[in-house]
Structures are given as C-alpha cells and as structure tokens.
Protein backbone atom coordinates (compact mmCIF):
# COMPACT_ATOMS: atom_id res chain seq x y z
CA MET A 1 2.27 -24.80 -15.54
CA ASN A 2 2.68 -26.42 -12.51
CA ARG A 3 0.30 -27.50 -9.51
CA ARG A 4 1.12 -24.48 -7.09
CA ARG A 5 -1.67 -22.42 -5.84
CA ARG A 6 -2.57 -18.93 -7.80
CA MET A 7 -5.21 -16.52 -6.24
CA ILE A 8 -6.10 -13.12 -7.47
CA GLY A 9 -6.65 -10.47 -5.16
CA VAL A 10 -6.07 -6.39 -4.67
CA VAL A 11 -3.37 -4.96 -3.26
CA THR A 12 -4.35 -3.25 0.52
CA SER A 13 -0.74 -2.31 1.69
CA ASP A 14 2.52 -1.61 0.20
CA LYS A 15 4.50 0.38 3.07
CA MET A 16 7.00 -2.55 3.14
CA THR A 17 9.96 -2.73 1.25
CA LYS A 18 9.56 -5.70 -1.36
CA THR A 19 6.17 -6.93 0.70
CA VAL A 20 2.45 -6.18 -0.27
CA VAL A 21 -0.44 -7.19 1.42
CA VAL A 22 -3.15 -8.64 -0.66
CA GLU A 23 -6.82 -9.18 0.02
CA ILE A 24 -8.24 -12.17 -1.99
CA THR A 25 -11.94 -12.03 -1.66
CA ARG A 26 -14.40 -14.94 -2.25
CA THR A 27 -18.25 -15.15 -2.44
CA PHE A 28 -20.26 -18.65 -1.63
CA ARG A 29 -23.12 -20.20 -0.79
CA HIS A 30 -23.45 -21.42 2.76
CA PRO A 31 -24.26 -24.97 2.14
CA LEU A 32 -26.79 -25.47 5.30
CA TYR A 33 -28.43 -22.10 5.39
CA LYS A 34 -28.21 -21.18 1.52
CA LYS A 35 -27.04 -17.53 2.57
CA VAL A 36 -24.47 -15.35 0.75
CA VAL A 37 -21.27 -15.37 2.58
CA HIS A 38 -18.64 -12.62 1.55
CA ALA A 39 -15.18 -13.93 2.98
CA ARG A 40 -12.21 -12.23 2.65
CA LYS A 41 -8.37 -13.41 3.87
CA ARG A 42 -5.20 -10.81 3.86
CA VAL A 43 -1.96 -12.29 3.25
CA LYS A 44 1.51 -10.95 2.57
CA ALA A 45 3.32 -11.59 -0.56
CA HIS A 46 6.61 -10.81 -1.94
CA ASP A 47 6.62 -8.15 -4.74
CA GLU A 48 9.64 -7.55 -7.62
CA LEU A 49 7.12 -5.21 -9.79
CA GLY A 50 6.23 -2.75 -7.97
CA CYS A 51 2.70 -2.99 -7.11
CA ARG A 52 0.91 -0.18 -5.51
CA VAL A 53 -2.37 0.21 -3.70
CA GLY A 54 -5.54 -0.79 -5.49
CA ASP A 55 -3.80 -3.20 -8.32
CA ARG A 56 -5.82 -6.29 -8.83
CA VAL A 57 -2.45 -8.85 -9.00
CA ARG A 58 -2.22 -12.41 -9.40
CA ILE A 59 -0.15 -14.53 -6.44
CA VAL A 60 1.45 -17.57 -6.63
CA GLU A 61 2.43 -19.87 -3.44
CA SER A 62 6.23 -20.23 -3.12
CA ARG A 63 8.88 -21.45 -0.12
CA PRO A 64 8.73 -19.40 3.11
CA ILE A 65 10.22 -16.07 2.12
CA SER A 66 10.06 -14.99 6.10
CA ARG A 67 7.69 -15.60 9.33
CA GLU A 68 4.54 -14.52 7.33
CA LYS A 69 5.55 -14.41 3.30
CA ARG A 70 4.32 -17.88 1.64
CA TRP A 71 2.92 -15.87 -2.09
CA VAL A 72 5.12 -13.96 -4.44
CA VAL A 73 3.20 -11.67 -6.91
CA GLU A 74 3.36 -13.44 -10.23
CA GLU A 75 1.84 -10.34 -12.57
CA ILE A 76 -0.16 -7.40 -12.27
CA LEU A 77 -3.61 -7.76 -13.91
CA GLU A 78 -5.06 -4.22 -13.35
CA ARG A 79 -3.33 -0.97 -12.54
CA GLU A 80 -5.07 1.05 -10.27
CA SER A 81 -5.89 4.51 -11.83
CA ARG A 82 -5.58 7.42 -10.00
CA THR A 83 -5.56 11.15 -10.81
CA ALA A 84 -3.57 13.52 -8.99
CA ASP A 85 -6.87 15.35 -7.16
CA ALA A 86 -8.49 12.34 -5.88
CA GLY A 87 -8.46 13.10 -2.22
CA VAL A 88 -8.61 17.04 -3.00
CA GLY A 89 -12.34 18.41 -1.25
CA GLU A 90 -13.18 15.44 0.99
C-alpha cells in the first residue's frame, strides 16, 4: 500500500459528470476546552464507479485532476438503499 491519504465520507452530490462531492465528518475533543467538536469538510472527487447520493465511499489523494479535484473515489463501501416511494407523502 502506498502513502496516499485515504478518507471515508458520504456522497452529498452527484450532479456533475464524473465528479461527486464527498462530505468527510470527524469528531474530536477540543484540546483546551474538552468540548466535543464536530468538524466536516466537503471535497470534490473523481468518480469512475458511478456513486449516488448517500453512498459511503473511500477516497484517495491523487494528482490534481482539475482546479478543485484532488481526490479519486477508490471504492464504494456501502450503497444507499432507497425505495421508490421514499419522498412520497412529505
């Protein structure tokens, strides 16, 4: 395995061609105030696997692909299972 950074996140947008927006969340305790802090980061990643919104994916650092894309979707860890009537009645 190489030294590239790998992170796990959730796909929040797939409206672009071969690009997805992945949200990476991390929870940590503040070093001085000891409060639990929830931080999140949104990155654009190159997608050849066909990810959909809600999928948990592993992304890996890569060379710059475009102005904002520096990550590539390595694998889909968990598919979002939606039913056909998920938004009906709301």
